[in-house]
Amino acid sequence: MDNFWASMLAAFVMSVAAPYWGLTEAVSLRARMMMAVVIIFLSVALGWYDGHWNPLDDGFVGLWTVVAYVDAKERIIPNRFVLLTILWGVVVTPWTLQIAMHDLATGLGLFAFYLLVHFVTSGGLGMGDVKFSGAQGFVLGWPQGLLASVVGLWAAGLYSLILLVVFRRSRGQAIALGPFLVLGGLAGLVGLLH
C-alpha cells in the first residue's frame, strides 16, 4: 500500500513540475494526466512484481518517465534531469565508502563509454544521453548500471531494426535513445533489489 501512495506522490510532483520539464511548448493537461497514469502504473507494477521494491524508488520511476517523454518529444535530455537523478540517488541510497567508490566507478565508466561513442559518431549520440547514462550508472552501481546500459542499447537496436525492416525507414534517421535508457534503468532498478 505504501508503494501506491508513493507512486501517487511521484505522479503528482512530476505533473506539477511540468512547466520545468524543459519542453519548448507548454505541457497540456492531457499530457500531464497521461504521464501521471504511466508513472502510477509503472510504479505499482514494479512494486507488485518485486517484493523488495522500495517506495522511494518511485521517485526514479517518475523522474525517468518524464525523461523518456521529453527526449522522445524534443530529442534532448536537459541537465536538470541528470542532476536530479544523481541527487535522488544520493538521498535514497544507503552507501558505504566501498559501495560509493564502485558506484562512482560505474558511472564514470559508462560516461566514458558513451562519450567515446559520441565522438566516434560525430555527435550522433547526444551529450544528454552521455550524461544521463553516467548518472544512471552512478545511481545503480555495478553490475546493475551495466545491465541498464545493455538492456537500453539492445532495446534501441531492436526498435531500429523494426523501423528499418518493417517500416522501411532510412538508415540515417535518428531515434531518441532516452526512452531506451529509461527502460534499461528500470530493469537495473529491479536488478538492484535482488
N, C-alpha and C. Protein backbone atom coordinates (compact mmCIF):
# COMPACT_ATOMS: atom_id res chain seq x y z
N MET A 1 0.82 -1.20 0.00
CA MET A 1 0.00 0.00 0.00
C MET A 1 0.86 1.27 0.00
N ASP A 2 2.04 1.19 0.68
CA ASP A 2 2.95 2.34 0.69
C ASP A 2 3.39 2.68 -0.73
N ASN A 3 3.57 1.63 -1.53
CA ASN A 3 4.00 1.84 -2.91
C ASN A 3 2.97 2.63 -3.70
N PHE A 4 1.69 2.36 -3.47
CA PHE A 4 0.64 3.08 -4.19
C PHE A 4 0.67 4.56 -3.86
N TRP A 5 0.80 4.88 -2.58
CA TRP A 5 0.81 6.30 -2.18
C TRP A 5 2.09 6.99 -2.66
N ALA A 6 3.19 6.26 -2.64
CA ALA A 6 4.44 6.83 -3.16
C ALA A 6 4.34 7.09 -4.66
N SER A 7 3.69 6.18 -5.38
CA SER A 7 3.53 6.38 -6.82
C SER A 7 2.59 7.56 -7.10
N MET A 8 1.56 7.72 -6.29
CA MET A 8 0.66 8.86 -6.43
C MET A 8 1.42 10.17 -6.18
N LEU A 9 2.27 10.18 -5.17
CA LEU A 9 3.06 11.37 -4.85
C LEU A 9 4.03 11.69 -6.00
N ALA A 10 4.71 10.66 -6.51
CA ALA A 10 5.64 10.88 -7.62
C ALA A 10 4.91 11.41 -8.84
N ALA A 11 3.74 10.86 -9.14
CA ALA A 11 2.96 11.32 -10.29
C ALA A 11 2.50 12.76 -10.09
N PHE A 12 2.08 13.10 -8.88
CA PHE A 12 1.63 14.47 -8.60
C PHE A 12 2.77 15.46 -8.75
N VAL A 13 3.93 15.14 -8.15
CA VAL A 13 5.08 16.05 -8.21
C VAL A 13 5.52 16.26 -9.66
N MET A 14 5.60 15.17 -10.43
CA MET A 14 6.02 15.31 -11.83
C MET A 14 5.00 16.10 -12.66
N SER A 15 3.72 15.94 -12.37
CA SER A 15 2.70 16.69 -13.12
C SER A 15 2.76 18.17 -12.79
N VAL A 16 2.92 18.49 -11.51
CA VAL A 16 3.01 19.89 -11.09
C VAL A 16 4.27 20.55 -11.66
N ALA A 17 5.34 19.77 -11.78
CA ALA A 17 6.62 20.30 -12.26
C ALA A 17 6.69 20.39 -13.79
N ALA A 18 5.60 20.11 -14.48
CA ALA A 18 5.61 20.09 -15.95
C ALA A 18 6.16 21.36 -16.59
N PRO A 19 5.90 22.56 -16.04
CA PRO A 19 6.50 23.75 -16.67
C PRO A 19 8.03 23.75 -16.65
N TYR A 20 8.62 22.92 -15.82
CA TYR A 20 10.08 22.88 -15.69
C TYR A 20 10.70 21.65 -16.36
N TRP A 21 9.93 20.95 -17.17
CA TRP A 21 10.44 19.77 -17.85
C TRP A 21 11.47 20.10 -18.92
N GLY A 22 11.45 21.33 -19.41
CA GLY A 22 12.41 21.73 -20.42
C GLY A 22 11.88 21.64 -21.85
N LEU A 23 10.58 21.49 -22.00
CA LEU A 23 9.99 21.44 -23.34
C LEU A 23 9.86 22.86 -23.91
N THR A 24 9.88 22.97 -25.22
CA THR A 24 9.78 24.28 -25.86
C THR A 24 8.35 24.79 -25.91
N GLU A 25 7.39 23.93 -25.65
CA GLU A 25 5.99 24.35 -25.63
C GLU A 25 5.37 23.92 -24.31
N ALA A 26 4.27 24.55 -23.95
CA ALA A 26 3.59 24.21 -22.69
C ALA A 26 3.07 22.78 -22.73
N VAL A 27 3.12 22.12 -21.59
CA VAL A 27 2.64 20.74 -21.49
C VAL A 27 1.14 20.77 -21.21
N SER A 28 0.38 20.14 -22.08
CA SER A 28 -1.08 20.15 -21.93
C SER A 28 -1.52 19.34 -20.71
N LEU A 29 -2.73 19.63 -20.26
CA LEU A 29 -3.29 18.88 -19.14
C LEU A 29 -3.42 17.41 -19.50
N ARG A 30 -3.77 17.14 -20.75
CA ARG A 30 -3.90 15.76 -21.21
C ARG A 30 -2.56 15.01 -21.10
N ALA A 31 -1.48 15.67 -21.53
CA ALA A 31 -0.15 15.05 -21.44
C ALA A 31 0.25 14.83 -19.98
N ARG A 32 -0.06 15.78 -19.12
CA ARG A 32 0.25 15.62 -17.68
C ARG A 32 -0.49 14.43 -17.09
N MET A 33 -1.76 14.32 -17.44
CA MET A 33 -2.57 13.21 -16.92
C MET A 33 -2.05 11.88 -17.45
N MET A 34 -1.69 11.85 -18.73
CA MET A 34 -1.15 10.63 -19.31
C MET A 34 0.14 10.22 -18.59
N MET A 35 1.02 11.19 -18.34
CA MET A 35 2.27 10.89 -17.64
C MET A 35 2.01 10.41 -16.22
N ALA A 36 1.04 11.01 -15.55
CA ALA A 36 0.71 10.60 -14.18
C ALA A 36 0.23 9.15 -14.16
N VAL A 37 -0.62 8.79 -15.12
CA VAL A 37 -1.12 7.41 -15.19
C VAL A 37 0.02 6.44 -15.47
N VAL A 38 0.91 6.80 -16.39
CA VAL A 38 2.05 5.93 -16.71
C VAL A 38 2.94 5.75 -15.48
N ILE A 39 3.21 6.84 -14.76
CA ILE A 39 4.06 6.76 -13.57
C ILE A 39 3.43 5.85 -12.52
N ILE A 40 2.14 6.04 -12.26
CA ILE A 40 1.46 5.22 -11.27
C ILE A 40 1.45 3.76 -11.69
N PHE A 41 1.11 3.50 -12.95
CA PHE A 41 1.08 2.13 -13.45
C PHE A 41 2.44 1.45 -13.32
N LEU A 42 3.50 2.13 -13.79
CA LEU A 42 4.84 1.54 -13.72
C LEU A 42 5.27 1.30 -12.28
N SER A 43 5.04 2.27 -11.41
CA SER A 43 5.45 2.13 -10.01
C SER A 43 4.73 0.98 -9.33
N VAL A 44 3.43 0.93 -9.51
CA VAL A 44 2.64 -0.14 -8.87
C VAL A 44 3.02 -1.50 -9.45
N ALA A 45 3.19 -1.57 -10.77
CA ALA A 45 3.55 -2.84 -11.41
C ALA A 45 4.92 -3.31 -10.94
N LEU A 46 5.90 -2.41 -10.87
CA LEU A 46 7.23 -2.81 -10.41
C LEU A 46 7.21 -3.20 -8.93
N GLY A 47 6.42 -2.47 -8.13
CA GLY A 47 6.29 -2.83 -6.71
C GLY A 47 5.61 -4.17 -6.52
N TRP A 48 4.62 -4.46 -7.35
CA TRP A 48 3.93 -5.74 -7.26
C TRP A 48 4.84 -6.87 -7.72
N TYR A 49 5.58 -6.63 -8.80
CA TYR A 49 6.47 -7.65 -9.35
C TYR A 49 7.60 -7.97 -8.38
N ASP A 50 8.13 -6.94 -7.77
CA ASP A 50 9.31 -7.11 -6.94
C ASP A 50 8.96 -6.86 -5.48
N GLY A 51 8.99 -7.90 -4.68
CA GLY A 51 8.66 -7.79 -3.27
C GLY A 51 9.63 -6.93 -2.47
N HIS A 52 10.81 -6.64 -3.03
CA HIS A 52 11.81 -5.83 -2.34
C HIS A 52 11.74 -4.35 -2.74
N TRP A 53 10.74 -3.98 -3.52
CA TRP A 53 10.66 -2.62 -4.05
C TRP A 53 10.57 -1.61 -2.91
N ASN A 54 11.39 -0.59 -3.00
CA ASN A 54 11.40 0.49 -2.03
C ASN A 54 10.52 1.61 -2.57
N PRO A 55 9.53 2.09 -1.80
CA PRO A 55 8.67 3.17 -2.31
C PRO A 55 9.46 4.42 -2.73
N LEU A 56 10.66 4.62 -2.19
CA LEU A 56 11.46 5.76 -2.61
C LEU A 56 11.92 5.63 -4.06
N ASP A 57 11.97 4.40 -4.57
CA ASP A 57 12.34 4.19 -5.97
C ASP A 57 11.29 4.72 -6.93
N ASP A 58 10.08 4.98 -6.42
CA ASP A 58 9.05 5.58 -7.27
C ASP A 58 9.49 6.97 -7.75
N GLY A 59 10.39 7.60 -7.00
CA GLY A 59 10.94 8.88 -7.45
C GLY A 59 11.72 8.72 -8.75
N PHE A 60 12.49 7.63 -8.85
CA PHE A 60 13.19 7.36 -10.11
C PHE A 60 12.21 7.07 -11.23
N VAL A 61 11.17 6.30 -10.92
CA VAL A 61 10.18 5.97 -11.96
C VAL A 61 9.55 7.25 -12.49
N GLY A 62 9.16 8.15 -11.59
CA GLY A 62 8.55 9.40 -12.02
C GLY A 62 9.50 10.26 -12.83
N LEU A 63 10.70 10.43 -12.31
CA LEU A 63 11.70 11.26 -12.98
C LEU A 63 12.09 10.69 -14.34
N TRP A 64 12.36 9.40 -14.39
CA TRP A 64 12.82 8.79 -15.63
C TRP A 64 11.71 8.68 -16.67
N THR A 65 10.46 8.56 -16.23
CA THR A 65 9.35 8.56 -17.19
C THR A 65 9.26 9.92 -17.89
N VAL A 66 9.46 10.97 -17.13
CA VAL A 66 9.46 12.31 -17.72
C VAL A 66 10.66 12.46 -18.67
N VAL A 67 11.82 11.92 -18.29
CA VAL A 67 12.99 11.95 -19.17
C VAL A 67 12.66 11.29 -20.52
N ALA A 68 12.02 10.13 -20.46
CA ALA A 68 11.66 9.42 -21.70
C ALA A 68 10.72 10.27 -22.55
N TYR A 69 9.75 10.90 -21.92
CA TYR A 69 8.78 11.73 -22.64
C TYR A 69 9.46 12.93 -23.29
N VAL A 70 10.28 13.63 -22.52
CA VAL A 70 10.94 14.84 -23.03
C VAL A 70 11.90 14.48 -24.16
N ASP A 71 12.68 13.41 -23.99
CA ASP A 71 13.63 13.04 -25.04
C ASP A 71 12.91 12.57 -26.30
N ALA A 72 11.82 11.84 -26.15
CA ALA A 72 11.07 11.39 -27.32
C ALA A 72 10.46 12.59 -28.06
N LYS A 73 10.05 13.60 -27.33
CA LYS A 73 9.40 14.76 -27.93
C LYS A 73 10.38 15.79 -28.49
N GLU A 74 11.47 16.04 -27.75
CA GLU A 74 12.39 17.13 -28.11
C GLU A 74 13.78 16.66 -28.54
N ARG A 75 14.07 15.38 -28.37
CA ARG A 75 15.40 14.83 -28.70
C ARG A 75 16.51 15.47 -27.85
N ILE A 76 16.20 15.70 -26.56
CA ILE A 76 17.18 16.26 -25.65
C ILE A 76 16.86 15.79 -24.23
N ILE A 77 17.91 15.54 -23.46
CA ILE A 77 17.75 15.26 -22.04
C ILE A 77 18.38 16.43 -21.31
N PRO A 78 17.56 17.32 -20.75
CA PRO A 78 18.10 18.50 -20.07
C PRO A 78 18.97 18.12 -18.86
N ASN A 79 19.96 18.95 -18.59
CA ASN A 79 20.88 18.70 -17.48
C ASN A 79 20.16 18.59 -16.14
N ARG A 80 19.02 19.26 -15.99
CA ARG A 80 18.30 19.20 -14.71
C ARG A 80 17.90 17.77 -14.36
N PHE A 81 17.61 16.93 -15.38
CA PHE A 81 17.23 15.55 -15.11
C PHE A 81 18.44 14.70 -14.73
N VAL A 82 19.58 15.04 -15.28
CA VAL A 82 20.82 14.35 -14.91
C VAL A 82 21.14 14.66 -13.45
N LEU A 83 21.07 15.94 -13.09
CA LEU A 83 21.36 16.35 -11.71
C LEU A 83 20.34 15.79 -10.72
N LEU A 84 19.06 15.80 -11.10
CA LEU A 84 18.03 15.25 -10.22
C LEU A 84 18.22 13.74 -10.01
N THR A 85 18.63 13.05 -11.06
CA THR A 85 18.90 11.61 -10.92
C THR A 85 20.02 11.38 -9.91
N ILE A 86 21.09 12.14 -10.03
CA ILE A 86 22.22 11.99 -9.10
C ILE A 86 21.80 12.37 -7.69
N LEU A 87 21.11 13.50 -7.53
CA LEU A 87 20.69 13.94 -6.19
C LEU A 87 19.74 12.95 -5.53
N TRP A 88 18.76 12.46 -6.30
CA TRP A 88 17.82 11.49 -5.73
C TRP A 88 18.56 10.20 -5.35
N GLY A 89 19.52 9.81 -6.16
CA GLY A 89 20.31 8.63 -5.84
C GLY A 89 21.11 8.81 -4.56
N VAL A 90 21.66 10.00 -4.36
CA VAL A 90 22.42 10.27 -3.13
C VAL A 90 21.50 10.23 -1.93
N VAL A 91 20.28 10.76 -2.08
CA VAL A 91 19.34 10.82 -0.97
C VAL A 91 18.83 9.42 -0.57
N VAL A 92 18.51 8.58 -1.54
CA VAL A 92 17.82 7.32 -1.22
C VAL A 92 18.73 6.10 -1.11
N THR A 93 19.99 6.22 -1.47
CA THR A 93 20.87 5.05 -1.48
C THR A 93 21.68 4.97 -0.19
N PRO A 94 21.58 3.86 0.53
CA PRO A 94 22.43 3.69 1.72
C PRO A 94 23.84 3.27 1.29
N TRP A 95 24.80 4.15 1.43
CA TRP A 95 26.14 3.90 0.93
C TRP A 95 27.16 3.71 2.03
N THR A 96 28.10 2.85 1.74
CA THR A 96 29.35 2.80 2.49
C THR A 96 30.41 3.36 1.55
N LEU A 97 31.60 3.57 2.03
CA LEU A 97 32.65 4.12 1.18
C LEU A 97 32.94 3.18 0.01
N GLN A 98 32.99 1.87 0.27
CA GLN A 98 33.28 0.90 -0.79
C GLN A 98 32.19 0.91 -1.86
N ILE A 99 30.92 0.93 -1.43
CA ILE A 99 29.81 0.96 -2.39
C ILE A 99 29.85 2.25 -3.19
N ALA A 100 30.11 3.37 -2.52
CA ALA A 100 30.17 4.66 -3.20
C ALA A 100 31.27 4.67 -4.27
N MET A 101 32.41 4.07 -3.97
CA MET A 101 33.50 4.03 -4.95
C MET A 101 33.13 3.16 -6.15
N HIS A 102 32.47 2.01 -5.90
CA HIS A 102 32.02 1.16 -7.01
C HIS A 102 30.99 1.89 -7.87
N ASP A 103 30.05 2.58 -7.21
CA ASP A 103 29.02 3.30 -7.96
C ASP A 103 29.62 4.44 -8.76
N LEU A 104 30.56 5.15 -8.18
CA LEU A 104 31.22 6.23 -8.89
C LEU A 104 32.01 5.70 -10.09
N ALA A 105 32.70 4.58 -9.90
CA ALA A 105 33.46 3.97 -11.00
C ALA A 105 32.52 3.51 -12.11
N THR A 106 31.38 2.94 -11.75
CA THR A 106 30.41 2.50 -12.76
C THR A 106 29.88 3.70 -13.55
N GLY A 107 29.51 4.76 -12.85
CA GLY A 107 29.01 5.95 -13.51
C GLY A 107 30.04 6.58 -14.43
N LEU A 108 31.28 6.68 -13.96
CA LEU A 108 32.34 7.26 -14.79
C LEU A 108 32.66 6.36 -15.99
N GLY A 109 32.63 5.04 -15.77
CA GLY A 109 32.89 4.10 -16.87
C GLY A 109 31.84 4.21 -17.97
N LEU A 110 30.57 4.26 -17.57
CA LEU A 110 29.51 4.40 -18.57
C LEU A 110 29.57 5.76 -19.25
N PHE A 111 29.87 6.80 -18.48
CA PHE A 111 30.02 8.13 -19.07
C PHE A 111 31.13 8.12 -20.12
N ALA A 112 32.27 7.52 -19.78
CA ALA A 112 33.40 7.47 -20.71
C ALA A 112 33.06 6.67 -21.96
N PHE A 113 32.36 5.54 -21.79
CA PHE A 113 31.98 4.72 -22.95
C PHE A 113 31.07 5.51 -23.89
N TYR A 114 30.02 6.12 -23.34
CA TYR A 114 29.08 6.86 -24.18
C TYR A 114 29.72 8.12 -24.76
N LEU A 115 30.66 8.72 -24.04
CA LEU A 115 31.38 9.87 -24.58
C LEU A 115 32.21 9.46 -25.79
N LEU A 116 32.84 8.30 -25.70
CA LEU A 116 33.60 7.78 -26.84
C LEU A 116 32.67 7.56 -28.04
N VAL A 117 31.50 6.98 -27.79
CA VAL A 117 30.52 6.78 -28.87
C VAL A 117 30.09 8.12 -29.44
N HIS A 118 29.92 9.11 -28.58
CA HIS A 118 29.55 10.46 -29.04
C HIS A 118 30.58 11.00 -30.02
N PHE A 119 31.87 10.85 -29.68
CA PHE A 119 32.92 11.36 -30.57
C PHE A 119 33.06 10.52 -31.85
N VAL A 120 32.94 9.20 -31.72
CA VAL A 120 33.08 8.33 -32.88
C VAL A 120 31.95 8.58 -33.89
N THR A 121 30.76 8.85 -33.39
CA THR A 121 29.61 9.09 -34.28
C THR A 121 29.46 10.55 -34.65
N SER A 122 30.45 11.36 -34.33
CA SER A 122 30.44 12.81 -34.63
C SER A 122 29.17 13.48 -34.11
N GLY A 123 28.83 13.18 -32.88
CA GLY A 123 27.66 13.80 -32.26
C GLY A 123 26.36 13.09 -32.55
N GLY A 124 26.42 11.92 -33.18
CA GLY A 124 25.19 11.16 -33.45
C GLY A 124 24.49 10.74 -32.17
N LEU A 125 25.27 10.53 -31.12
CA LEU A 125 24.73 10.27 -29.79
C LEU A 125 24.88 11.57 -29.02
N GLY A 126 23.77 12.10 -28.53
CA GLY A 126 23.79 13.40 -27.87
C GLY A 126 24.47 13.38 -26.51
N MET A 127 24.93 14.55 -26.09
CA MET A 127 25.59 14.67 -24.79
C MET A 127 24.61 14.45 -23.65
N GLY A 128 23.33 14.71 -23.86
CA GLY A 128 22.34 14.41 -22.82
C GLY A 128 22.30 12.92 -22.51
N ASP A 129 22.36 12.11 -23.57
CA ASP A 129 22.39 10.66 -23.39
C ASP A 129 23.66 10.23 -22.66
N VAL A 130 24.77 10.86 -23.00
CA VAL A 130 26.06 10.54 -22.37
C VAL A 130 25.99 10.82 -20.87
N LYS A 131 25.52 12.01 -20.51
CA LYS A 131 25.46 12.40 -19.10
C LYS A 131 24.43 11.59 -18.32
N PHE A 132 23.29 11.35 -18.96
CA PHE A 132 22.23 10.60 -18.28
C PHE A 132 22.65 9.15 -18.02
N SER A 133 23.34 8.53 -18.97
CA SER A 133 23.79 7.15 -18.75
C SER A 133 24.83 7.10 -17.63
N GLY A 134 25.69 8.11 -17.54
CA GLY A 134 26.63 8.17 -16.44
C GLY A 134 25.93 8.33 -15.11
N ALA A 135 24.89 9.17 -15.07
CA ALA A 135 24.12 9.37 -13.84
C ALA A 135 23.41 8.07 -13.43
N GLN A 136 22.84 7.38 -14.41
CA GLN A 136 22.20 6.10 -14.10
C GLN A 136 23.21 5.09 -13.57
N GLY A 137 24.39 5.05 -14.17
CA GLY A 137 25.43 4.14 -13.69
C GLY A 137 25.84 4.45 -12.28
N PHE A 138 25.92 5.73 -11.95
CA PHE A 138 26.27 6.14 -10.59
C PHE A 138 25.19 5.72 -9.60
N VAL A 139 23.94 5.90 -9.97
CA VAL A 139 22.82 5.58 -9.07
C VAL A 139 22.66 4.06 -8.90
N LEU A 140 22.80 3.33 -10.00
CA LEU A 140 22.54 1.88 -9.96
C LEU A 140 23.75 1.08 -9.52
N GLY A 141 24.95 1.57 -9.79
CA GLY A 141 26.16 0.86 -9.39
C GLY A 141 26.43 -0.36 -10.25
N TRP A 142 27.38 -1.15 -9.78
CA TRP A 142 27.82 -2.34 -10.50
C TRP A 142 27.11 -3.55 -9.96
N PRO A 143 26.61 -4.46 -10.72
CA PRO A 143 26.56 -4.57 -12.18
C PRO A 143 25.27 -4.03 -12.77
N GLN A 144 24.37 -3.49 -11.93
CA GLN A 144 23.07 -3.05 -12.43
C GLN A 144 23.18 -1.89 -13.42
N GLY A 145 24.19 -1.02 -13.25
CA GLY A 145 24.38 0.06 -14.21
C GLY A 145 24.72 -0.47 -15.59
N LEU A 146 25.56 -1.50 -15.61
CA LEU A 146 25.89 -2.14 -16.89
C LEU A 146 24.67 -2.84 -17.47
N LEU A 147 23.90 -3.52 -16.61
CA LEU A 147 22.65 -4.16 -17.05
C LEU A 147 21.72 -3.13 -17.68
N ALA A 148 21.57 -1.98 -17.05
CA ALA A 148 20.70 -0.93 -17.58
C ALA A 148 21.16 -0.49 -18.95
N SER A 149 22.46 -0.31 -19.10
CA SER A 149 23.01 0.13 -20.38
C SER A 149 22.80 -0.93 -21.47
N VAL A 150 23.07 -2.18 -21.15
CA VAL A 150 22.92 -3.26 -22.13
C VAL A 150 21.45 -3.41 -22.55
N VAL A 151 20.54 -3.40 -21.57
CA VAL A 151 19.11 -3.53 -21.90
C VAL A 151 18.67 -2.36 -22.77
N GLY A 152 19.09 -1.14 -22.41
CA GLY A 152 18.72 0.03 -23.19
C GLY A 152 19.23 -0.01 -24.62
N LEU A 153 20.49 -0.41 -24.78
CA LEU A 153 21.07 -0.47 -26.12
C LEU A 153 20.44 -1.59 -26.97
N TRP A 154 20.17 -2.74 -26.35
CA TRP A 154 19.52 -3.83 -27.08
C TRP A 154 18.10 -3.41 -27.52
N ALA A 155 17.37 -2.76 -26.61
CA ALA A 155 16.02 -2.33 -26.96
C ALA A 155 16.05 -1.30 -28.09
N ALA A 156 17.00 -0.36 -28.03
CA ALA A 156 17.13 0.65 -29.09
C ALA A 156 17.51 -0.01 -30.42
N GLY A 157 18.40 -0.99 -30.36
CA GLY A 157 18.78 -1.71 -31.58
C GLY A 157 17.63 -2.47 -32.18
N LEU A 158 16.86 -3.14 -31.34
CA LEU A 158 15.69 -3.88 -31.83
C LEU A 158 14.66 -2.94 -32.44
N TYR A 159 14.43 -1.81 -31.79
CA TYR A 159 13.49 -0.82 -32.31
C TYR A 159 13.97 -0.29 -33.67
N SER A 160 15.26 0.00 -33.77
CA SER A 160 15.83 0.48 -35.03
C SER A 160 15.69 -0.56 -36.14
N LEU A 161 15.92 -1.81 -35.79
CA LEU A 161 15.78 -2.89 -36.77
C LEU A 161 14.34 -3.00 -37.26
N ILE A 162 13.40 -2.88 -36.35
CA ILE A 162 11.98 -2.91 -36.73
C ILE A 162 11.66 -1.74 -37.66
N LEU A 163 12.18 -0.55 -37.34
CA LEU A 163 11.94 0.60 -38.21
C LEU A 163 12.50 0.37 -39.61
N LEU A 164 13.69 -0.24 -39.67
CA LEU A 164 14.33 -0.48 -40.97
C LEU A 164 13.61 -1.53 -41.79
N VAL A 165 13.29 -2.65 -41.15
CA VAL A 165 12.75 -3.80 -41.88
C VAL A 165 11.25 -3.67 -42.13
N VAL A 166 10.51 -3.35 -41.09
CA VAL A 166 9.06 -3.35 -41.22
C VAL A 166 8.54 -2.06 -41.84
N PHE A 167 9.06 -0.92 -41.36
CA PHE A 167 8.53 0.36 -41.82
C PHE A 167 9.37 1.01 -42.91
N ARG A 168 10.43 0.34 -43.34
CA ARG A 168 11.26 0.79 -44.45
C ARG A 168 11.80 2.22 -44.25
N ARG A 169 12.20 2.53 -43.04
CA ARG A 169 12.79 3.84 -42.76
C ARG A 169 14.24 3.85 -43.24
N SER A 170 14.76 5.04 -43.46
CA SER A 170 16.15 5.15 -43.93
C SER A 170 17.12 4.93 -42.78
N ARG A 171 18.32 4.50 -43.12
CA ARG A 171 19.33 4.21 -42.11
C ARG A 171 19.81 5.46 -41.39
N GLY A 172 19.70 6.60 -42.02
CA GLY A 172 20.19 7.84 -41.43
C GLY A 172 19.23 8.48 -40.45
N GLN A 173 18.06 7.91 -40.29
CA GLN A 173 17.06 8.51 -39.41
C GLN A 173 17.44 8.28 -37.95
N ALA A 174 17.48 9.36 -37.18
CA ALA A 174 17.86 9.28 -35.77
C ALA A 174 16.66 8.90 -34.91
N ILE A 175 16.95 8.21 -33.82
CA ILE A 175 15.92 7.91 -32.82
C ILE A 175 16.37 8.48 -31.49
N ALA A 176 15.42 8.72 -30.61
CA ALA A 176 15.74 9.20 -29.27
C ALA A 176 16.19 8.00 -28.43
N LEU A 177 17.37 8.09 -27.84
CA LEU A 177 17.89 6.98 -27.03
C LEU A 177 17.36 7.03 -25.60
N GLY A 178 16.93 8.21 -25.14
CA GLY A 178 16.48 8.38 -23.76
C GLY A 178 15.42 7.38 -23.30
N PRO A 179 14.35 7.16 -24.07
CA PRO A 179 13.35 6.19 -23.62
C PRO A 179 13.92 4.79 -23.42
N PHE A 180 14.91 4.42 -24.21
CA PHE A 180 15.51 3.09 -24.08
C PHE A 180 16.46 3.05 -22.88
N LEU A 181 17.15 4.16 -22.61
CA LEU A 181 17.97 4.23 -21.40
C LEU A 181 17.09 4.14 -20.16
N VAL A 182 15.92 4.75 -20.22
CA VAL A 182 14.98 4.68 -19.10
C VAL A 182 14.49 3.24 -18.91
N LEU A 183 14.16 2.56 -19.99
CA LEU A 183 13.75 1.16 -19.91
C LEU A 183 14.85 0.34 -19.25
N GLY A 184 16.08 0.54 -19.68
CA GLY A 184 17.20 -0.17 -19.07
C GLY A 184 17.38 0.20 -17.62
N GLY A 185 17.18 1.48 -17.29
CA GLY A 185 17.30 1.92 -15.90
C GLY A 185 16.28 1.25 -15.00
N LEU A 186 15.06 1.09 -15.50
CA LEU A 186 14.03 0.41 -14.70
C LEU A 186 14.39 -1.06 -14.51
N ALA A 187 14.94 -1.69 -15.54
CA ALA A 187 15.42 -3.07 -15.40
C ALA A 187 16.57 -3.13 -14.39
N GLY A 188 17.43 -2.12 -14.41
CA GLY A 188 18.53 -2.06 -13.45
C GLY A 188 18.01 -1.85 -12.03
N LEU A 189 16.96 -1.04 -11.87
CA LEU A 189 16.39 -0.85 -10.53
C LEU A 189 15.85 -2.15 -9.97
N VAL A 190 15.15 -2.90 -10.79
CA VAL A 190 14.63 -4.19 -10.34
C VAL A 190 15.79 -5.12 -10.02
N GLY A 191 16.84 -5.11 -10.85
CA GLY A 191 18.02 -5.93 -10.58
C GLY A 191 18.74 -5.52 -9.33
N LEU A 192 18.73 -4.24 -9.00
CA LEU A 192 19.40 -3.72 -7.82
C LEU A 192 18.79 -4.28 -6.54
N LEU A 193 17.53 -4.60 -6.60
CA LEU A 193 16.83 -5.04 -5.40
C LEU A 193 17.00 -6.53 -5.13
N HIS A 194 17.75 -7.24 -5.96
CA HIS A 194 17.93 -8.68 -5.76
C HIS A 194 19.36 -9.04 -5.48
